[in-house]
Every structure is written in structure tokens, then in C-alpha cells.
Amino acid sequence: MGRGMVTAASLASAIPAMGYKKSEISQAQIIEAAIRVLARQGYARTSLLDIAREAGMSKGAVHYHYPTKEALLQVVLESATDKVQEQTIAAWQTEATPFGSLRKSLETLWEVRAARTPEALVVADLLALSLTDESLRPQLAEFYRLAAAQIREYLDSHLVALGLEPKISMDILPRLVIGLLDGLVMQAFVEPDALKPDEVVRAIETMAMGLFAPGNR
């Protein structure tokens, strides 16, 4: 039997792999559709049927992958927060200097929130719901832990490496930056003309840099 010949056994072994790939594609469609619908309507007003229609699938097909809206929500939240973090990391890599990277990352952190991207809207909506729904808190807490860790890693590898030392704990500094951004963007949501992006970024950059001092190296 030739090595290139397709046998019944080889065909059978290929079918599960093809099915698995199709399943992954279907799940990606559902997650992307869910993010779009949740961004438009909010979690409280969205049903699995709404998401199925957006994805061009039957409700049964969505149920097959995600039996409940809550089960789908956990995956959607992970996908949305990952997208926000990926955009920030990409921004750091576009600038050659540490200070240029810091400004670019702050600009991106602001843009992905203030521009009302679907992912940012989903995260904002779920943050509000987490006040009364404890099941949402672990995933959101993980998002903040990862975001803070990424900022800290950047500061450690760039600004501290330049001989600057933080005046406050590095456990707190990244959280302050995130808190400023999230607090200001909520104000921008309700009063869009109150804050100018350049002024916001410059102010946060100035405040953040004010928390560093020349080291003793």
C-alpha cells in the first residue's frame, strides 16, 4: 500500500480533528457575537437567543457549547479583558525609549476605554453588575491583577532600570494608574466633552512620574 494512499483508518482519524477545529471556529463566532450584543444591549437585556441570532446560529447550537448565559459570560469576559491587555502590550512595543513607551501605553489604556470599544463596554457593564453579582468578581479581579502586573513589569524593566526608584510601593503604583484611568473614563462616558485625551494622558503621566525619584546608583 502506497504511503500517500488515503485509507479508511486515516480518514476516520482525521474526522475528529476536523470536527474539533469546526467546534473551535463555532465557539469563536459565538464569543465575538456575544461581545457585540453585550456591548450594544448590556448583560441584563441580552439573551442566548439574541447572541445566537447575532452569530447566525440556532439557539440549540449556542446551548451545545454554552448551556447557560452565565457559562458563556465567563468566556466572554476573559476574551474581552484579554483584548484590552493585548492592545496595551502592543503599544509598549512600538516605542524605542522607556518614556515613549510609557506615554504610548497610557494613550492606549485610555483609548481602549474612552473609545467605547465593544470589549471596553462589556467590561464596564460587568463591573457595574459585579456590585450585586458576586459570581462576576473573580474574573474581573483577575483582569485587574494581570493589568497591574503588566504595568509593574514595565516599570521594573524600564524606569527602575534607568535608576529611578518608586516613592511608594510597587504593589500600589500600578493600581493607582488603573484607578485613575477607570475613574476618569467613567466621567467621560457620562460627559464626553469634559476631558481631552491629550490632557488626561499628560496629567496621568506627570502624576505617575512624580512618584519616582532618582536612585542611589
Protein backbone atom coordinates (compact mmCIF):
# COMPACT_ATOMS: atom_id res chain seq x y z
CA MET A 1 0.00 0.00 0.00
CA GLY A 2 1.47 3.41 -1.01
CA ARG A 3 2.41 5.86 1.66
CA GLY A 4 0.27 8.60 0.07
CA MET A 5 -2.87 6.48 -0.16
CA VAL A 6 -5.85 7.55 1.94
CA THR A 7 -7.13 4.61 3.97
CA ALA A 8 -10.38 4.24 5.87
CA ALA A 9 -8.41 4.32 9.12
CA SER A 10 -6.56 7.52 8.22
CA LEU A 11 -9.80 9.16 7.10
CA ALA A 12 -11.53 8.18 10.32
CA SER A 13 -8.69 9.55 12.40
CA ALA A 14 -8.86 12.85 10.52
CA ILE A 15 -12.59 13.39 11.11
CA PRO A 16 -12.38 14.15 14.87
CA ALA A 17 -9.60 16.67 14.25
CA MET A 18 -11.70 18.41 11.59
CA GLY A 19 -14.69 18.37 13.90
CA TYR A 20 -12.64 19.83 16.73
CA LYS A 21 -11.44 22.66 14.50
CA LYS A 22 -15.00 23.37 13.42
CA SER A 23 -16.06 23.41 17.06
CA GLU A 24 -13.35 25.96 17.88
CA ILE A 25 -14.47 28.16 14.99
CA SER A 26 -18.08 27.96 16.19
CA GLN A 27 -17.09 28.94 19.71
CA ALA A 28 -15.10 31.91 18.39
CA GLN A 29 -18.14 33.03 16.38
CA ILE A 30 -20.33 32.83 19.46
CA ILE A 31 -17.88 34.77 21.65
CA GLU A 32 -17.44 37.52 19.06
CA ALA A 33 -21.20 37.78 18.57
CA ALA A 34 -21.76 37.86 22.34
CA ILE A 35 -19.30 40.72 22.76
CA ARG A 36 -21.07 42.74 20.05
CA VAL A 37 -24.53 42.16 21.50
CA LEU A 38 -23.48 42.74 25.11
CA ALA A 39 -21.76 45.99 24.07
CA ARG A 40 -24.99 47.19 22.40
CA GLN A 41 -27.58 45.95 24.87
CA GLY A 42 -25.85 45.20 28.15
CA TYR A 43 -25.85 41.90 30.01
CA ALA A 44 -29.23 42.33 31.69
CA ARG A 45 -31.06 42.82 28.37
CA THR A 46 -29.25 40.10 26.41
CA SER A 47 -30.46 36.53 25.98
CA LEU A 48 -28.81 33.48 24.46
CA LEU A 49 -31.29 33.81 21.59
CA ASP A 50 -30.03 37.33 20.88
CA ILE A 51 -26.46 36.03 20.76
CA ALA A 52 -27.45 33.07 18.56
CA ARG A 53 -29.13 35.40 16.05
CA GLU A 54 -26.09 37.68 16.01
CA ALA A 55 -23.84 34.67 15.37
CA GLY A 56 -26.12 33.34 12.62
CA MET A 57 -26.75 30.13 14.56
CA SER A 58 -29.64 28.36 16.21
CA LYS A 59 -30.15 28.74 19.94
CA GLY A 60 -29.52 25.00 20.22
CA ALA A 61 -26.08 25.40 18.64
CA VAL A 62 -25.15 28.02 21.21
CA HIS A 63 -26.54 25.83 24.01
CA TYR A 64 -24.33 22.99 22.79
CA HIS A 65 -21.20 24.99 23.60
CA TYR A 66 -22.56 27.10 26.47
CA PRO A 67 -25.56 25.66 28.37
CA THR A 68 -26.28 28.95 30.16
CA LYS A 69 -25.72 32.66 29.62
CA GLU A 70 -23.58 32.65 32.77
CA ALA A 71 -21.27 29.97 31.33
CA LEU A 72 -20.84 31.98 28.14
CA LEU A 73 -20.29 35.15 30.13
CA GLN A 74 -17.17 33.81 31.83
CA VAL A 75 -15.55 33.09 28.46
CA VAL A 76 -16.71 36.41 27.00
CA LEU A 77 -15.29 38.32 29.94
CA GLU A 78 -11.95 36.53 29.62
CA SER A 79 -11.85 37.29 25.88
CA ALA A 80 -12.76 40.96 26.37
CA THR A 81 -10.20 41.58 29.10
CA ASP A 82 -7.50 39.73 27.14
CA LYS A 83 -8.15 42.01 24.14
CA VAL A 84 -7.71 45.14 26.25
CA GLN A 85 -4.45 43.79 27.69
CA GLU A 86 -3.11 42.73 24.29
CA GLN A 87 -3.65 46.22 22.89
CA THR A 88 -1.67 47.71 25.78
CA ILE A 89 1.25 45.30 25.39
CA ALA A 90 1.35 46.01 21.65
CA ALA A 91 1.57 49.74 22.40
CA TRP A 92 4.63 49.23 24.62
CA GLN A 93 6.44 47.53 21.78
CA THR A 94 6.05 50.38 19.28
CA GLU A 95 8.30 52.92 21.03
CA ALA A 96 12.08 52.75 21.31
CA THR A 97 12.50 54.73 24.55
CA PRO A 98 11.13 53.88 28.02
CA PHE A 99 9.40 57.25 28.37
CA GLY A 100 7.95 56.99 24.86
CA SER A 101 6.61 53.53 25.68
CA LEU A 102 5.07 54.80 28.91
CA ARG A 103 3.22 57.60 27.12
CA LYS A 104 2.08 55.26 24.32
CA SER A 105 0.81 52.68 26.79
CA LEU A 106 -1.12 55.34 28.72
CA GLU A 107 -2.62 56.60 25.45
CA THR A 108 -3.69 53.07 24.55
CA LEU A 109 -5.07 52.34 28.01
CA TRP A 110 -7.18 55.49 27.69
CA GLU A 111 -8.22 54.90 24.08
CA VAL A 112 -9.49 51.34 24.59
CA ARG A 113 -11.66 52.63 27.43
CA ALA A 114 -12.80 56.04 26.16
CA ALA A 115 -13.34 54.93 22.55
CA ARG A 116 -16.11 52.63 23.77
CA THR A 117 -14.70 49.57 22.04
CA PRO A 118 -17.05 46.58 22.38
CA GLU A 119 -14.62 44.91 24.78
CA ALA A 120 -14.33 48.00 26.99
CA LEU A 121 -18.12 48.43 27.10
CA VAL A 122 -18.59 44.80 28.12
CA VAL A 123 -16.03 45.12 30.91
CA ALA A 124 -17.59 48.39 32.15
CA ASP A 125 -21.07 46.87 32.14
CA LEU A 126 -19.96 43.77 34.02
CA LEU A 127 -18.02 45.86 36.54
CA ALA A 128 -21.23 47.66 37.40
CA LEU A 129 -23.13 44.37 37.67
CA SER A 130 -20.44 42.88 39.90
CA LEU A 131 -21.59 45.22 42.68
CA THR A 132 -24.56 42.90 43.18
CA ASP A 133 -23.44 39.73 41.36
CA GLU A 134 -20.56 38.09 43.23
CA SER A 135 -20.03 35.46 40.51
CA LEU A 136 -18.54 38.12 38.22
CA ARG A 137 -15.93 39.30 40.70
CA PRO A 138 -13.24 36.57 40.42
CA GLN A 139 -12.75 37.06 36.66
CA LEU A 140 -12.75 40.84 36.97
CA ALA A 141 -10.31 40.64 39.88
CA GLU A 142 -8.01 38.51 37.74
CA PHE A 143 -8.22 41.13 34.99
CA TYR A 144 -7.06 43.82 37.42
CA ARG A 145 -4.31 41.59 38.82
CA LEU A 146 -2.95 40.91 35.34
CA ALA A 147 -3.22 44.56 34.27
CA ALA A 148 -1.39 45.69 37.42
CA ALA A 149 1.28 43.01 36.95
CA GLN A 150 1.86 44.11 33.34
CA ILE A 151 2.30 47.76 34.34
CA ARG A 152 4.58 46.78 37.20
CA GLU A 153 6.70 44.62 34.92
CA TYR A 154 7.03 47.52 32.50
CA LEU A 155 8.04 49.95 35.26
CA ASP A 156 10.51 47.47 36.74
CA SER A 157 12.18 46.75 33.42
CA HIS A 158 12.29 50.32 32.12
CA LEU A 159 12.06 53.16 34.63
CA VAL A 160 13.68 51.35 37.55
CA ALA A 161 16.40 50.18 35.18
CA LEU A 162 17.12 53.85 34.42
CA GLY A 163 17.98 54.44 38.06
CA LEU A 164 14.59 55.76 39.16
CA GLU A 165 13.12 54.41 42.38
CA PRO A 166 9.43 54.48 43.34
CA LYS A 167 8.42 56.63 46.30
CA ILE A 168 5.53 54.27 47.10
CA SER A 169 5.06 50.52 47.00
CA MET A 170 5.20 48.99 43.53
CA ASP A 171 2.20 46.93 44.58
CA ILE A 172 0.14 50.12 44.79
CA LEU A 173 1.53 52.25 41.95
CA PRO A 174 0.07 50.22 39.03
CA ARG A 175 -3.30 50.09 40.79
CA LEU A 176 -3.27 53.88 41.13
CA VAL A 177 -2.69 54.28 37.39
CA ILE A 178 -5.52 51.87 36.56
CA GLY A 179 -7.81 53.51 39.10
CA LEU A 180 -7.18 56.95 37.60
CA LEU A 181 -7.89 55.71 34.10
CA ASP A 182 -11.07 53.83 35.02
CA GLY A 183 -12.40 56.63 37.19
CA LEU A 184 -11.79 59.29 34.56
CA VAL A 185 -13.22 57.23 31.72
CA MET A 186 -16.48 56.75 33.60
CA GLN A 187 -16.72 60.54 33.79
CA ALA A 188 -16.02 60.71 30.05
CA PHE A 189 -18.84 58.23 29.42
CA VAL A 190 -21.42 60.49 31.08
CA GLU A 191 -19.84 63.79 29.95
CA PRO A 192 -17.89 63.15 26.73
CA ASP A 193 -16.64 66.72 26.26
CA ALA A 194 -15.36 67.18 29.80
CA LEU A 195 -11.95 65.58 29.24
CA LYS A 196 -9.48 65.86 26.39
CA PRO A 197 -7.41 62.71 25.73
CA ASP A 198 -4.08 64.55 25.47
CA GLU A 199 -4.65 66.35 28.76
CA VAL A 200 -5.69 63.15 30.51
CA VAL A 201 -2.61 61.23 29.32
CA ARG A 202 -0.27 64.09 30.15
CA ALA A 203 -1.76 64.51 33.62
CA ILE A 204 -1.55 60.79 34.47
CA GLU A 205 1.98 60.59 33.07
CA THR A 206 3.04 63.59 35.20
CA MET A 207 1.44 62.13 38.31
CA ALA A 208 2.98 58.70 37.70
CA MET A 209 6.45 60.11 37.10
CA GLY A 210 6.11 62.26 40.22
CA LEU A 211 6.03 59.02 42.19
CA PHE A 212 9.60 58.19 41.15
CA ALA A 213 12.85 59.71 42.40
CA PRO A 214 16.48 59.36 41.32
CA GLY A 215 18.01 56.25 42.85
CA ASN A 216 21.28 55.89 44.73
CA ARG A 217 23.06 54.01 41.98
